């Protein structure tokens, strides 16, 4: 029997200190023993296949030997990609290259850029391990000179690639690219310029700075089919639908999805007192819920509505975390009881405010068509996972409450690199235009990966 979400007891806590990124040999040694059971807990027993592995070998060979610098732009559709890629690059890539008689000058490693909020919700283990692997935290919503300095240092000095998700966060979509932020392109051009200027007689292409587009895809087997229907039944039970009580096999798959989707949306509309004289499309209704949830979060925080959707979203998230983990506060022992109680109340309020923000966040990505019965299995499985997530966020859940259907196969697809150093003269002439054009080039690389994987690895 499913237990509904209940609000946790949230108390204000001192600020979290994240250690300066630095590779620890001891940490890597310990992780080498723990990584296999950890990856198994995330993905189960699954096969990992690499497409265009020659591109990976070439990029890492040149970067590790300091003949180039590399930024890895990876797609982030599921939430588990950083863990997967960390494991693969640290413990699998060298062996895969050796089978092709390729030997790296040093053992492969990759630094990942992550938001400071990950250190807050990720727990003590994440705060301990991530800096010791050289991973770099950064703020989404405010100037972070320290974080940016670490990023530029890692990129220009090398030898290890730096990995970032240009999607900014989990996108919940493997076959589309809902949005790309241009941050990785801007950072790349600035780093390429610094790299060139650091050597007086060097030409931009003597040590090029490259972006490697990397796409991750999931495929499901027969077990995935049964577990997908099982998860759908759980969603139907949450909705108390007739489909859950009757024989589900008699109801078309698409109809079951649409019923749950519309039911959950209607619950959110009632929550936000959204009414219509004439019912518009699902997309319009969802857009209204998203906007109302975002407005509600800002009103509860008492902040102005400024900037685009994601600027507002990140600001809400940041401000709420700052109420729970108090910036600049090292201890609360000397705080009076009344003041501490008010801090705890504000922390509890912040948790409730983020429930609205979670609806707005996930809802923005849930604007996708309902798959039909004959759609590819990975699209149907992904939609059912997202349908559960839609219900979960409605009930107060977050990404941590997501249920992932075990995969049979994981595909890592590398695309040809984008040479930013070669584009540097154009960037200096027209920064905004060249950044936009290069971001579009990166998006096309991702879309090409999606098309090729769907062609070569059908369900």
Protein backbone atom coordinates (compact mmCIF):
# COMPACT_ATOMS: atom_id res chain seq x y z
CA UNK A 1 0.00 0.00 0.00
CA UNK A 2 1.43 3.36 -1.01
CA UNK A 3 2.04 5.83 1.81
CA UNK A 4 1.39 9.48 0.92
CA UNK A 5 4.14 12.03 1.32
CA UNK A 6 4.37 13.69 4.71
CA UNK A 7 6.33 16.91 5.27
CA UNK A 8 9.70 16.22 6.88
CA UNK A 9 10.85 18.11 9.94
CA UNK A 10 13.14 20.80 8.54
CA UNK A 11 15.46 22.73 10.84
CA UNK A 12 17.81 25.53 9.87
CA UNK A 13 21.43 24.37 9.73
CA UNK A 14 24.84 26.05 9.54
CA UNK A 15 26.27 26.70 6.10
CA UNK A 16 27.87 23.78 4.29
CA UNK A 17 31.52 24.15 3.44
CA UNK A 18 32.64 22.47 0.23
CA UNK A 19 36.32 21.56 0.11
CA UNK A 20 38.55 22.97 -2.62
CA UNK A 21 38.52 20.56 -5.61
CA UNK A 22 41.61 18.38 -5.57
CA UNK A 23 42.21 14.85 -6.80
CA UNK A 24 42.78 12.42 -3.97
CA UNK A 25 44.53 9.17 -4.82
CA UNK A 26 43.16 7.61 -1.64
CA UNK A 27 39.62 8.60 -2.55
CA UNK A 28 39.99 7.10 -6.03
CA UNK A 29 41.37 3.90 -4.50
CA UNK A 30 38.44 3.58 -2.09
CA UNK A 31 35.93 4.41 -4.82
CA UNK A 32 37.38 1.68 -7.03
CA UNK A 33 36.02 -0.87 -4.53
CA UNK A 34 32.67 0.83 -3.98
CA UNK A 35 31.86 1.96 -7.50
CA UNK A 36 30.68 -1.40 -8.85
CA UNK A 37 27.94 -1.99 -6.22
CA UNK A 38 27.00 1.70 -6.44
CA UNK A 39 26.56 1.60 -10.23
CA UNK A 40 24.65 -1.66 -9.84
CA UNK A 41 22.29 0.07 -7.39
CA UNK A 42 21.66 2.77 -10.02
CA UNK A 43 21.35 0.68 -13.18
CA UNK A 44 21.25 -2.97 -12.18
CA UNK A 45 22.93 -5.51 -14.43
CA UNK A 46 23.22 -3.70 -17.73
CA UNK A 47 25.49 -3.53 -20.75
CA UNK A 48 27.24 -0.31 -21.72
CA UNK A 49 27.94 0.24 -25.42
CA UNK A 50 30.08 3.08 -26.80
CA UNK A 51 29.42 4.43 -30.29
CA UNK A 52 32.19 6.33 -32.10
CA UNK A 53 34.71 5.14 -29.54
CA UNK A 54 37.52 6.24 -31.86
CA UNK A 55 36.46 9.84 -31.20
CA UNK A 56 36.73 9.24 -27.46
CA UNK A 57 40.16 7.65 -27.81
CA UNK A 58 41.44 10.50 -29.96
CA UNK A 59 40.07 13.26 -27.70
CA UNK A 60 41.43 11.70 -24.51
CA UNK A 61 44.79 10.84 -26.09
CA UNK A 62 45.38 14.44 -27.12
CA UNK A 63 43.99 15.99 -23.93
CA UNK A 64 45.91 13.70 -21.58
CA UNK A 65 49.13 14.41 -23.46
CA UNK A 66 48.43 18.20 -23.30
CA UNK A 67 48.16 18.53 -27.08
CA UNK A 68 44.66 19.94 -26.65
CA UNK A 69 42.17 20.96 -23.98
CA UNK A 70 38.71 19.48 -23.77
CA UNK A 71 35.26 20.36 -22.52
CA UNK A 72 32.78 17.47 -22.51
CA UNK A 73 29.21 18.60 -23.17
CA UNK A 74 27.02 15.72 -22.02
CA UNK A 75 23.28 15.30 -22.30
CA UNK A 76 21.48 14.93 -18.96
CA UNK A 77 18.08 13.29 -19.63
CA UNK A 78 17.89 10.94 -16.68
CA UNK A 79 19.81 12.34 -13.70
CA UNK A 80 22.32 9.50 -13.39
CA UNK A 81 24.65 10.45 -16.25
CA UNK A 82 27.43 12.06 -14.13
CA UNK A 83 27.78 8.91 -12.02
CA UNK A 84 27.73 6.70 -15.12
CA UNK A 85 30.33 8.74 -17.00
CA UNK A 86 32.57 9.11 -13.94
CA UNK A 87 32.62 5.34 -13.53
CA UNK A 88 33.18 4.70 -17.22
CA UNK A 89 36.00 7.19 -17.71
CA UNK A 90 37.77 6.25 -14.49
CA UNK A 91 37.53 2.48 -14.67
CA UNK A 92 36.54 1.37 -18.19
CA UNK A 93 37.89 3.71 -20.86
CA UNK A 94 41.54 2.71 -20.46
CA UNK A 95 40.69 -1.00 -20.86
CA UNK A 96 38.50 -0.29 -23.88
CA UNK A 97 41.31 1.70 -25.51
CA UNK A 98 43.81 -1.06 -24.80
CA UNK A 99 41.69 -3.48 -26.84
CA UNK A 100 42.29 -1.16 -29.80
CA UNK A 101 46.00 -1.06 -28.93
CA UNK A 102 45.80 2.55 -27.74
CA UNK A 103 47.72 3.54 -24.63
CA UNK A 104 47.11 6.84 -22.84
CA UNK A 105 50.06 8.73 -21.34
CA UNK A 106 48.19 8.91 -18.04
CA UNK A 107 45.10 7.30 -16.58
CA UNK A 108 41.86 8.93 -17.80
CA UNK A 109 39.96 11.19 -15.45
CA UNK A 110 37.24 13.82 -15.87
CA UNK A 111 36.22 16.76 -13.71
CA UNK A 112 32.50 17.53 -13.47
CA UNK A 113 30.91 20.91 -12.82
CA UNK A 114 27.92 20.77 -10.46
CA UNK A 115 25.66 23.23 -8.65
CA UNK A 116 26.32 24.08 -5.01
CA UNK A 117 22.81 22.84 -4.21
CA UNK A 118 23.97 19.28 -4.97
CA UNK A 119 26.29 19.48 -1.96
CA UNK A 120 23.27 20.47 0.11
CA UNK A 121 20.75 17.83 -0.90
CA UNK A 122 23.32 15.18 -1.84
CA UNK A 123 24.31 14.51 1.75
CA UNK A 124 27.60 13.99 3.56
CA UNK A 125 28.95 11.36 1.15
CA UNK A 126 28.51 13.63 -1.88
CA UNK A 127 30.15 16.52 -0.01
CA UNK A 128 33.10 14.30 0.86
CA UNK A 129 33.64 12.47 -2.42
CA UNK A 130 32.93 15.05 -5.12
CA UNK A 131 35.70 17.55 -4.25
CA UNK A 132 38.21 14.72 -3.85
CA UNK A 133 37.55 13.70 -7.45
CA UNK A 134 38.32 17.25 -8.56
CA UNK A 135 34.69 18.10 -9.30
CA UNK A 136 33.94 21.84 -9.22
CA UNK A 137 30.86 23.44 -7.58
CA UNK A 138 29.38 26.65 -8.94
CA UNK A 139 26.40 28.90 -8.27
CA UNK A 140 23.66 29.16 -10.90
CA UNK A 141 22.19 32.45 -9.78
CA UNK A 142 24.98 34.75 -8.68
CA UNK A 143 28.52 35.76 -9.55
CA UNK A 144 30.90 33.08 -8.36
CA UNK A 145 34.47 34.24 -8.97
CA UNK A 146 35.94 31.34 -7.03
CA UNK A 147 33.99 28.72 -8.95
CA UNK A 148 34.74 30.33 -12.31
CA UNK A 149 38.44 30.60 -11.43
CA UNK A 150 38.50 26.88 -10.68
CA UNK A 151 36.79 26.11 -13.97
CA UNK A 152 39.15 28.22 -16.08
CA UNK A 153 42.14 26.78 -14.25
CA UNK A 154 41.00 23.21 -14.85
CA UNK A 155 40.35 23.86 -18.54
CA UNK A 156 43.46 25.84 -19.41
CA UNK A 157 45.94 23.84 -17.35
CA UNK A 158 44.63 20.39 -18.20
CA UNK A 159 45.27 17.56 -18.66
CA UNK A 160 41.84 16.23 -17.75
CA UNK A 161 38.65 17.13 -19.63
CA UNK A 162 36.01 19.15 -17.82
CA UNK A 163 32.43 17.89 -18.16
CA UNK A 164 29.33 20.09 -18.06
CA UNK A 165 25.71 19.59 -19.02
CA UNK A 166 24.62 22.42 -21.35
CA UNK A 167 21.02 21.55 -20.51
CA UNK A 168 21.66 23.05 -17.08
CA UNK A 169 19.85 20.28 -15.23
CA UNK A 170 17.98 17.03 -15.81
CA UNK A 171 15.86 17.31 -18.97
CA UNK A 172 13.73 14.12 -18.59
CA UNK A 173 13.85 13.62 -22.37
CA UNK A 174 16.24 11.36 -24.27
CA UNK A 175 14.90 11.89 -27.80
CA UNK A 176 14.59 15.67 -27.78
CA UNK A 177 16.74 18.60 -26.67
CA UNK A 178 14.30 20.81 -24.74
CA UNK A 179 16.81 23.57 -24.13
CA UNK A 180 20.52 24.36 -24.11
CA UNK A 181 22.26 27.00 -22.07
CA UNK A 182 25.15 28.78 -23.78
CA UNK A 183 27.33 28.82 -20.65
CA UNK A 184 29.63 26.01 -21.77
CA UNK A 185 30.22 27.77 -25.10
CA UNK A 186 31.03 31.10 -23.44
CA UNK A 187 33.36 29.40 -20.95
CA UNK A 188 35.01 27.51 -23.80
CA UNK A 189 35.71 30.62 -25.85
CA UNK A 190 37.05 32.52 -22.83
CA UNK A 191 39.28 29.58 -21.92
CA UNK A 192 40.49 29.26 -25.53
CA UNK A 193 41.42 32.93 -25.53
CA UNK A 194 43.30 32.61 -22.23
CA UNK A 195 45.05 29.50 -23.46
CA UNK A 196 46.24 31.36 -26.54
CA UNK A 197 47.37 34.44 -24.63
CA UNK A 198 49.34 32.40 -22.10
CA UNK A 199 51.86 31.47 -24.79
CA UNK A 200 53.19 34.51 -26.64
CA UNK A 201 54.13 32.84 -29.94
CA UNK A 202 51.41 30.21 -29.98
CA UNK A 203 48.70 30.18 -32.60
CA UNK A 204 45.11 29.36 -31.55
CA UNK A 205 45.18 25.95 -33.24
CA UNK A 206 48.55 24.87 -31.77
CA UNK A 207 46.74 23.63 -28.66
CA UNK A 208 43.06 23.70 -29.59
CA UNK A 209 40.26 23.83 -27.08
CA UNK A 210 37.57 21.41 -28.16
CA UNK A 211 34.04 20.60 -27.08
CA UNK A 212 33.14 16.92 -27.21
CA UNK A 213 29.35 16.37 -27.52
CA UNK A 214 28.33 13.24 -25.64
CA UNK A 215 24.85 11.72 -25.64
CA UNK A 216 23.57 8.97 -23.32
CA UNK A 217 20.64 6.71 -24.25
CA UNK A 218 18.80 3.90 -22.48
CA UNK A 219 17.19 0.77 -23.90
CA UNK A 220 14.82 -1.63 -22.13
CA UNK A 221 14.28 -5.37 -22.53
CA UNK A 222 11.34 -7.67 -21.90
CA UNK A 223 11.65 -7.17 -18.14
CA UNK A 224 11.44 -3.45 -18.74
CA UNK A 225 8.07 -3.91 -20.44
CA UNK A 226 6.53 -5.67 -17.45
CA UNK A 227 8.03 -3.18 -14.99
CA UNK A 228 6.78 -0.29 -17.11
CA UNK A 229 3.21 -1.59 -16.87
CA UNK A 230 3.68 -2.22 -13.17
CA UNK A 231 4.78 1.39 -12.65
CA UNK A 232 1.84 2.62 -14.71
CA UNK A 233 -0.49 0.63 -12.46
CA UNK A 234 1.04 2.40 -9.46
CA UNK A 235 0.28 5.75 -11.02
CA UNK A 236 -3.28 4.65 -11.73
CA UNK A 237 -3.72 3.62 -8.11
CA UNK A 238 -2.54 7.06 -7.02
CA UNK A 239 -5.24 8.50 -9.26
CA UNK A 240 -7.85 5.97 -8.02
CA UNK A 241 -8.76 5.47 -11.65
CA UNK A 242 -11.23 2.93 -12.96
CA UNK A 243 -8.40 1.53 -15.05
CA UNK A 244 -6.59 0.46 -11.89
CA UNK A 245 -9.58 -1.42 -10.55
CA UNK A 246 -10.56 -3.06 -13.82
CA UNK A 247 -8.62 -5.22 -16.20
CA UNK A 248 -5.95 -2.84 -17.50
CA UNK A 249 -5.25 -5.01 -20.54
CA UNK A 250 -8.64 -4.07 -21.94
CA UNK A 251 -7.82 -0.35 -21.89
CA UNK A 252 -5.57 1.01 -24.65
CA UNK A 253 -2.12 2.03 -23.43
CA UNK A 254 -2.40 5.58 -24.72
CA UNK A 255 -5.79 6.04 -23.06
CA UNK A 256 -4.39 4.93 -19.70
CA UNK A 257 -1.56 7.44 -19.96
CA UNK A 258 -3.84 10.26 -21.00
CA UNK A 259 -6.30 9.57 -18.18
CA UNK A 260 -3.58 9.74 -15.51
CA UNK A 261 -1.94 12.77 -17.09
CA UNK A 262 -5.20 14.72 -17.23
CA UNK A 263 -6.23 13.65 -13.74
CA UNK A 264 -2.97 14.84 -12.19
CA UNK A 265 -3.16 18.11 -14.12
CA UNK A 266 -6.72 18.68 -12.88
CA UNK A 267 -5.59 18.17 -9.27
CA UNK A 268 -2.97 20.89 -9.77
CA UNK A 269 -5.51 23.21 -11.34
CA UNK A 270 -7.79 22.83 -8.35
CA UNK A 271 -4.84 23.39 -6.02
CA UNK A 272 -4.07 26.72 -7.70
CA UNK A 273 -7.74 27.63 -8.24
CA UNK A 274 -7.33 27.77 -12.03
CA UNK A 275 -10.74 27.74 -13.74
CA UNK A 276 -11.89 27.86 -17.37
CA UNK A 277 -15.14 28.59 -19.11
CA UNK A 278 -13.84 26.62 -22.10
CA UNK A 279 -11.21 23.94 -21.52
CA UNK A 280 -8.04 24.69 -23.55
CA UNK A 281 -5.41 22.20 -24.68
CA UNK A 282 -3.35 20.20 -22.20
CA UNK A 283 -0.27 22.25 -23.10
CA UNK A 284 -2.02 25.54 -22.32
CA UNK A 285 -3.42 24.19 -19.07
CA UNK A 286 -0.01 22.89 -18.00
CA UNK A 287 1.58 26.23 -18.89
CA UNK A 288 -0.87 27.99 -16.60
CA UNK A 289 -0.09 25.59 -13.75
CA UNK A 290 3.65 26.11 -14.27
CA UNK A 291 3.37 29.88 -14.22
CA UNK A 292 1.04 29.92 -11.22
CA UNK A 293 3.34 27.60 -9.26
CA UNK A 294 6.31 29.84 -10.03
CA UNK A 295 4.37 32.98 -9.08
CA UNK A 296 3.26 31.31 -5.84
CA UNK A 297 6.86 30.48 -4.91
CA UNK A 298 7.99 34.05 -5.49
CA UNK A 299 5.08 35.51 -3.53
CA UNK A 300 5.77 33.22 -0.58
CA UNK A 301 9.44 34.23 -0.62
CA UNK A 302 8.57 37.89 -1.05
CA UNK A 303 10.83 38.36 -4.09
CA UNK A 304 10.20 40.14 -7.37
CA UNK A 305 9.47 38.25 -10.57
CA UNK A 306 12.50 39.18 -12.68
CA UNK A 307 14.20 37.47 -15.59
CA UNK A 308 13.27 34.51 -17.76
CA UNK A 309 11.71 31.29 -16.50
CA UNK A 310 14.92 29.51 -15.51
CA UNK A 311 16.47 32.59 -13.93
CA UNK A 312 13.41 32.81 -11.71
CA UNK A 313 13.45 29.06 -11.04
CA UNK A 314 17.11 28.98 -10.02
CA UNK A 315 16.67 32.06 -7.80
CA UNK A 316 13.78 30.43 -5.94
CA UNK A 317 15.76 27.23 -5.47
CA UNK A 318 18.80 29.13 -4.26
CA UNK A 319 16.86 31.34 -1.83
CA UNK A 320 15.06 28.35 -0.34
CA UNK A 321 18.31 26.47 0.23
CA UNK A 322 19.73 29.60 1.86
CA UNK A 323 16.89 29.47 4.38
CA UNK A 324 17.69 25.87 5.23
CA UNK A 325 21.51 26.09 5.15
CA UNK A 326 22.29 29.58 6.39
CA UNK A 327 25.03 31.29 4.33
CA UNK A 328 28.01 32.45 6.39
CA UNK A 329 26.69 30.86 9.60
CA UNK A 330 29.19 28.39 11.05
CA UNK A 331 27.26 27.42 14.20
CA UNK A 332 23.94 28.06 15.92
CA UNK A 333 24.92 27.32 19.51
CA UNK A 334 24.85 30.95 20.61
CA UNK A 335 21.54 31.85 18.95
CA UNK A 336 18.63 32.64 21.27
CA UNK A 337 15.75 30.18 21.42
CA UNK A 338 13.31 32.63 19.84
CA UNK A 339 15.66 33.49 16.99
CA UNK A 340 16.45 29.82 16.39
CA UNK A 341 12.76 28.94 16.32
CA UNK A 342 12.12 31.63 13.69
CA UNK A 343 15.02 30.27 11.62
CA UNK A 344 13.51 26.79 11.83
CA UNK A 345 10.09 28.12 10.82
CA UNK A 346 11.60 29.86 7.79
CA UNK A 347 13.44 26.67 6.88
CA UNK A 348 10.19 24.70 7.07
CA UNK A 349 8.46 27.33 4.95
CA UNK A 350 11.28 27.07 2.40
CA UNK A 351 10.65 23.33 2.07
CA UNK A 352 6.97 23.98 1.32
CA UNK A 353 7.85 26.76 -1.13
CA UNK A 354 10.08 24.39 -3.07
CA UNK A 355 7.10 22.04 -3.52
CA UNK A 356 5.63 24.70 -5.82
CA UNK A 357 9.00 25.20 -7.49
CA UNK A 358 9.26 21.44 -8.13
CA UNK A 359 5.92 21.49 -9.96
CA UNK A 360 7.05 24.41 -12.11
CA UNK A 361 10.45 22.81 -12.77
CA UNK A 362 9.23 19.38 -13.84
CA UNK A 363 6.11 20.70 -15.56
CA UNK A 364 8.22 22.76 -17.97
CA UNK A 365 9.78 19.53 -19.29
CA UNK A 366 6.55 17.51 -19.30
CA UNK A 367 5.21 19.34 -22.35
CA UNK A 368 5.55 16.31 -24.59
CA UNK A 369 3.07 14.17 -26.54
CA UNK A 370 1.62 10.97 -25.12
CA UNK A 371 3.30 7.98 -26.83
CA UNK A 372 1.11 5.53 -28.72
CA UNK A 373 1.05 1.77 -28.28
CA UNK A 374 3.40 1.30 -31.25
CA UNK A 375 5.91 3.95 -30.11
CA UNK A 376 9.47 2.79 -29.32
CA UNK A 377 9.74 1.12 -25.93
CA UNK A 378 12.28 3.62 -24.57
CA UNK A 379 9.87 6.49 -25.24
CA UNK A 380 6.98 4.68 -23.55
CA UNK A 381 9.13 3.73 -20.54
CA UNK A 382 10.43 7.28 -20.25
CA UNK A 383 6.92 8.72 -20.38
CA UNK A 384 5.65 6.37 -17.67
CA UNK A 385 8.61 7.35 -15.47
CA UNK A 386 7.78 10.99 -16.10
CA UNK A 387 4.10 10.37 -15.40
CA UNK A 388 5.08 8.96 -12.01
CA UNK A 389 7.29 11.99 -11.50
CA UNK A 390 4.36 14.30 -12.35
CA UNK A 391 2.28 12.58 -9.67
CA UNK A 392 5.20 12.58 -7.23
CA UNK A 393 5.90 16.31 -7.59
CA UNK A 394 2.19 17.00 -7.18
CA UNK A 395 2.30 15.17 -3.85
CA UNK A 396 5.42 16.98 -2.62
CA UNK A 397 8.18 14.83 -4.08
CA UNK A 398 11.40 15.73 -5.87
CA UNK A 399 13.95 14.14 -8.20
CA UNK A 400 15.08 11.82 -5.39
CA UNK A 401 11.60 10.22 -5.42
CA UNK A 402 11.79 9.33 -9.11
CA UNK A 403 11.35 5.65 -9.98
CA UNK A 404 13.58 4.45 -12.82
CA UNK A 405 12.73 1.33 -14.78
CA UNK A 406 15.84 -0.92 -14.97
CA UNK A 407 17.56 -0.70 -18.34
CA UNK A 408 18.95 -3.50 -20.44
CA UNK A 409 21.49 -1.44 -22.35
CA UNK A 410 23.13 1.98 -22.02
CA UNK A 411 24.50 3.65 -25.14
CA UNK A 412 27.16 6.37 -24.95
CA UNK A 413 27.36 8.21 -28.24
CA UNK A 414 30.26 10.56 -29.06
CA UNK A 415 29.95 13.18 -31.78
CA UNK A 416 32.81 14.90 -33.65
CA UNK A 417 34.43 17.66 -31.60
CA UNK A 418 33.69 21.35 -32.06
CA UNK A 419 36.99 23.25 -32.30
CA UNK A 420 36.48 26.53 -30.41
CA UNK A 421 40.03 27.72 -31.01
CA UNK A 422 39.42 27.68 -34.76
CA UNK A 423 36.34 29.87 -34.19
CA UNK A 424 38.16 32.28 -31.88
CA UNK A 425 38.72 35.03 -34.51
CA UNK A 426 34.99 35.00 -35.31
CA UNK A 427 34.17 35.10 -31.61
CA UNK A 428 36.33 38.18 -31.09
CA UNK A 429 34.53 39.93 -33.94
CA UNK A 430 31.01 38.97 -32.85
CA UNK A 431 30.79 37.33 -29.44
CA UNK A 432 27.03 37.12 -29.18
CA UNK A 433 26.46 35.84 -32.71
CA UNK A 434 29.29 33.30 -32.63
CA UNK A 435 28.14 32.00 -29.24
CA UNK A 436 24.60 31.55 -30.58
CA UNK A 437 25.84 29.84 -33.77
CA UNK A 438 28.10 27.48 -31.82
CA UNK A 439 25.30 26.62 -29.38
CA UNK A 440 23.12 25.76 -32.38
CA UNK A 441 25.96 23.60 -33.74
CA UNK A 442 26.11 21.75 -30.43
CA UNK A 443 22.35 21.23 -30.48
CA UNK A 444 22.57 19.80 -34.00
CA UNK A 445 25.31 17.42 -32.85
CA UNK A 446 23.01 16.14 -30.09
CA UNK A 447 20.07 15.77 -32.47
CA UNK A 448 22.26 13.86 -34.93
CA UNK A 449 23.31 11.52 -32.10
CA UNK A 450 19.66 10.90 -31.24
CA UNK A 451 18.75 10.10 -34.85
CA UNK A 452 21.73 7.80 -35.33
CA UNK A 453 21.17 5.90 -32.08
CA UNK A 454 17.48 5.42 -32.87
CA UNK A 455 18.45 4.11 -36.31
CA UNK A 456 21.25 1.82 -35.14
CA UNK A 457 19.82 0.74 -31.77
CA UNK A 458 16.04 0.34 -32.17
CA UNK A 459 14.07 -1.18 -29.31
